[in-house]
Amino acid sequence: MANYAIDEIRRIRREISARFDHDVDKLIAHYQALEREYRKSGKYKFVDPPDEKPKTTKSDDEKAAD
């Protein structure tokens, strides 16, 4: 039973890959276009990554060493 699910997933992945001529750049462009379309629709919510790297804080042990 588990092999059927894995085989089905692999079949779908091969189908998607073939649809874009097995070109990763074409696949990424497709998903980026979908994202833009979904964002415009307002039907879905997206979380954007923060603009800056999170600041690291010192642990209690590091604070004690200072």
N, C-alpha and C. Protein backbone atom coordinates (compact mmCIF):
# COMPACT_ATOMS: atom_id res chain seq x y z
N MET A 1 0.83 -1.20 0.00
CA MET A 1 0.00 0.00 0.00
C MET A 1 0.87 1.26 0.00
N ALA A 2 1.91 1.28 0.83
CA ALA A 2 2.79 2.45 0.91
C ALA A 2 3.51 2.64 -0.42
N ASN A 3 3.87 1.56 -1.08
CA ASN A 3 4.56 1.68 -2.37
C ASN A 3 3.67 2.33 -3.41
N TYR A 4 2.35 2.07 -3.34
CA TYR A 4 1.43 2.69 -4.28
C TYR A 4 1.47 4.20 -4.13
N ALA A 5 1.44 4.69 -2.89
CA ALA A 5 1.45 6.14 -2.65
C ALA A 5 2.75 6.75 -3.16
N ILE A 6 3.86 6.12 -2.90
CA ILE A 6 5.16 6.63 -3.35
C ILE A 6 5.22 6.61 -4.88
N ASP A 7 4.75 5.53 -5.48
CA ASP A 7 4.75 5.44 -6.94
C ASP A 7 3.87 6.52 -7.55
N GLU A 8 2.73 6.79 -6.93
CA GLU A 8 1.83 7.83 -7.43
C GLU A 8 2.47 9.21 -7.34
N ILE A 9 3.14 9.49 -6.23
CA ILE A 9 3.84 10.76 -6.06
C ILE A 9 4.93 10.91 -7.12
N ARG A 10 5.69 9.87 -7.33
CA ARG A 10 6.76 9.92 -8.33
C ARG A 10 6.19 10.11 -9.73
N ARG A 11 5.07 9.46 -10.04
CA ARG A 11 4.43 9.60 -11.35
C ARG A 11 4.01 11.06 -11.57
N ILE A 12 3.40 11.65 -10.55
CA ILE A 12 2.96 13.04 -10.66
C ILE A 12 4.14 13.98 -10.81
N ARG A 13 5.21 13.73 -10.05
CA ARG A 13 6.41 14.58 -10.16
C ARG A 13 7.01 14.50 -11.56
N ARG A 14 7.06 13.29 -12.14
CA ARG A 14 7.58 13.13 -13.51
C ARG A 14 6.68 13.86 -14.52
N GLU A 15 5.36 13.80 -14.29
CA GLU A 15 4.40 14.47 -15.17
C GLU A 15 4.60 15.99 -15.12
N ILE A 16 4.75 16.52 -13.95
CA ILE A 16 4.98 17.96 -13.79
C ILE A 16 6.30 18.35 -14.43
N SER A 17 7.33 17.58 -14.19
CA SER A 17 8.64 17.86 -14.76
C SER A 17 8.58 17.86 -16.29
N ALA A 18 7.89 16.90 -16.86
CA ALA A 18 7.78 16.81 -18.31
C ALA A 18 7.01 18.00 -18.87
N ARG A 19 6.01 18.48 -18.13
CA ARG A 19 5.22 19.62 -18.59
C ARG A 19 6.09 20.86 -18.79
N PHE A 20 7.21 20.94 -18.06
CA PHE A 20 8.12 22.08 -18.16
C PHE A 20 9.45 21.68 -18.78
N ASP A 21 9.41 20.65 -19.62
CA ASP A 21 10.59 20.17 -20.36
C ASP A 21 11.75 19.83 -19.42
N HIS A 22 11.44 19.40 -18.23
CA HIS A 22 12.45 19.01 -17.23
C HIS A 22 13.42 20.16 -16.94
N ASP A 23 12.93 21.38 -17.05
CA ASP A 23 13.74 22.58 -16.85
C ASP A 23 13.32 23.24 -15.53
N VAL A 24 14.23 23.23 -14.57
CA VAL A 24 13.94 23.77 -13.24
C VAL A 24 13.59 25.25 -13.31
N ASP A 25 14.29 26.00 -14.16
CA ASP A 25 14.02 27.43 -14.27
C ASP A 25 12.59 27.70 -14.76
N LYS A 26 12.12 26.89 -15.70
CA LYS A 26 10.74 27.04 -16.19
C LYS A 26 9.74 26.70 -15.08
N LEU A 27 10.04 25.68 -14.32
CA LEU A 27 9.16 25.28 -13.22
C LEU A 27 9.08 26.36 -12.16
N ILE A 28 10.23 26.92 -11.80
CA ILE A 28 10.26 28.00 -10.80
C ILE A 28 9.49 29.21 -11.31
N ALA A 29 9.68 29.56 -12.58
CA ALA A 29 8.96 30.70 -13.16
C ALA A 29 7.46 30.47 -13.10
N HIS A 30 7.04 29.25 -13.36
CA HIS A 30 5.62 28.90 -13.29
C HIS A 30 5.08 29.13 -11.87
N TYR A 31 5.79 28.62 -10.87
CA TYR A 31 5.32 28.77 -9.49
C TYR A 31 5.36 30.23 -9.04
N GLN A 32 6.33 30.99 -9.51
CA GLN A 32 6.37 32.42 -9.18
C GLN A 32 5.20 33.16 -9.80
N ALA A 33 4.83 32.80 -11.02
CA ALA A 33 3.67 33.42 -11.66
C ALA A 33 2.39 33.06 -10.91
N LEU A 34 2.29 31.81 -10.47
CA LEU A 34 1.13 31.40 -9.68
C LEU A 34 1.05 32.20 -8.38
N GLU A 35 2.19 32.39 -7.74
CA GLU A 35 2.22 33.16 -6.50
C GLU A 35 1.72 34.58 -6.74
N ARG A 36 2.20 35.22 -7.79
CA ARG A 36 1.74 36.58 -8.10
C ARG A 36 0.23 36.61 -8.32
N GLU A 37 -0.26 35.63 -9.05
CA GLU A 37 -1.70 35.55 -9.33
C GLU A 37 -2.49 35.36 -8.03
N TYR A 38 -2.02 34.48 -7.18
CA TYR A 38 -2.72 34.22 -5.91
C TYR A 38 -2.67 35.44 -5.00
N ARG A 39 -1.55 36.13 -4.99
CA ARG A 39 -1.45 37.35 -4.17
C ARG A 39 -2.44 38.41 -4.65
N LYS A 40 -2.55 38.58 -5.98
CA LYS A 40 -3.47 39.57 -6.54
C LYS A 40 -4.92 39.25 -6.21
N SER A 41 -5.23 37.96 -6.16
CA SER A 41 -6.62 37.56 -5.93
C SER A 41 -7.10 37.96 -4.54
N GLY A 42 -6.18 38.04 -3.57
CA GLY A 42 -6.55 38.38 -2.20
C GLY A 42 -7.22 37.22 -1.47
N LYS A 43 -7.34 36.10 -2.13
CA LYS A 43 -8.00 34.93 -1.54
C LYS A 43 -7.11 34.21 -0.53
N TYR A 44 -5.82 34.36 -0.70
CA TYR A 44 -4.87 33.65 0.14
C TYR A 44 -4.01 34.64 0.92
N LYS A 45 -3.52 34.20 2.07
CA LYS A 45 -2.62 35.02 2.87
C LYS A 45 -1.20 34.49 2.69
N PHE A 46 -0.26 35.41 2.59
CA PHE A 46 1.14 35.05 2.45
C PHE A 46 1.94 35.68 3.57
N VAL A 47 2.95 34.98 4.00
CA VAL A 47 3.87 35.52 5.00
C VAL A 47 5.19 35.77 4.29
N ASP A 48 5.60 37.02 4.28
CA ASP A 48 6.85 37.37 3.63
C ASP A 48 8.00 37.23 4.62
N PRO A 49 9.17 36.82 4.14
CA PRO A 49 10.32 36.74 5.04
C PRO A 49 10.70 38.13 5.53
N PRO A 50 11.29 38.20 6.71
CA PRO A 50 11.70 39.51 7.21
C PRO A 50 12.79 40.11 6.32
N ASP A 51 12.85 41.43 6.29
CA ASP A 51 13.83 42.13 5.45
C ASP A 51 15.26 42.01 5.99
N GLU A 52 15.38 41.84 7.29
CA GLU A 52 16.72 41.77 7.86
C GLU A 52 16.89 40.47 8.63
N LYS A 53 18.14 40.12 8.84
CA LYS A 53 18.43 38.90 9.59
C LYS A 53 18.05 39.12 11.05
N PRO A 54 17.53 38.08 11.70
CA PRO A 54 17.19 38.25 13.12
C PRO A 54 18.45 38.50 13.95
N LYS A 55 18.31 39.35 14.93
CA LYS A 55 19.44 39.64 15.80
C LYS A 55 19.59 38.51 16.79
N THR A 56 20.83 38.10 16.99
CA THR A 56 21.07 37.04 17.96
C THR A 56 21.21 37.66 19.34
N THR A 57 20.71 36.96 20.31
CA THR A 57 20.83 37.43 21.69
C THR A 57 21.77 36.50 22.44
N LYS A 58 22.41 37.04 23.41
CA LYS A 58 23.35 36.23 24.20
C LYS A 58 22.57 35.37 25.17
N SER A 59 23.07 34.16 25.36
CA SER A 59 22.48 33.27 26.35
C SER A 59 22.85 33.76 27.74
N ASP A 60 22.20 33.23 28.75
CA ASP A 60 22.51 33.61 30.13
C ASP A 60 23.97 33.32 30.48
N ASP A 61 24.49 32.22 29.96
CA ASP A 61 25.89 31.85 30.21
C ASP A 61 26.84 32.89 29.59
N GLU A 62 26.52 33.34 28.37
CA GLU A 62 27.36 34.35 27.72
C GLU A 62 27.29 35.68 28.44
N LYS A 63 26.12 36.02 28.95
CA LYS A 63 25.95 37.27 29.68
C LYS A 63 26.77 37.23 30.97
N ALA A 64 26.79 36.10 31.64
CA ALA A 64 27.52 35.95 32.89
C ALA A 64 29.02 36.04 32.66
N ALA A 65 29.47 35.59 31.47
CA ALA A 65 30.90 35.60 31.16
C ALA A 65 31.40 37.02 30.89
N ASP A 66 30.48 37.92 30.50
CA ASP A 66 30.89 39.31 30.20
C ASP A 66 31.16 40.04 31.44
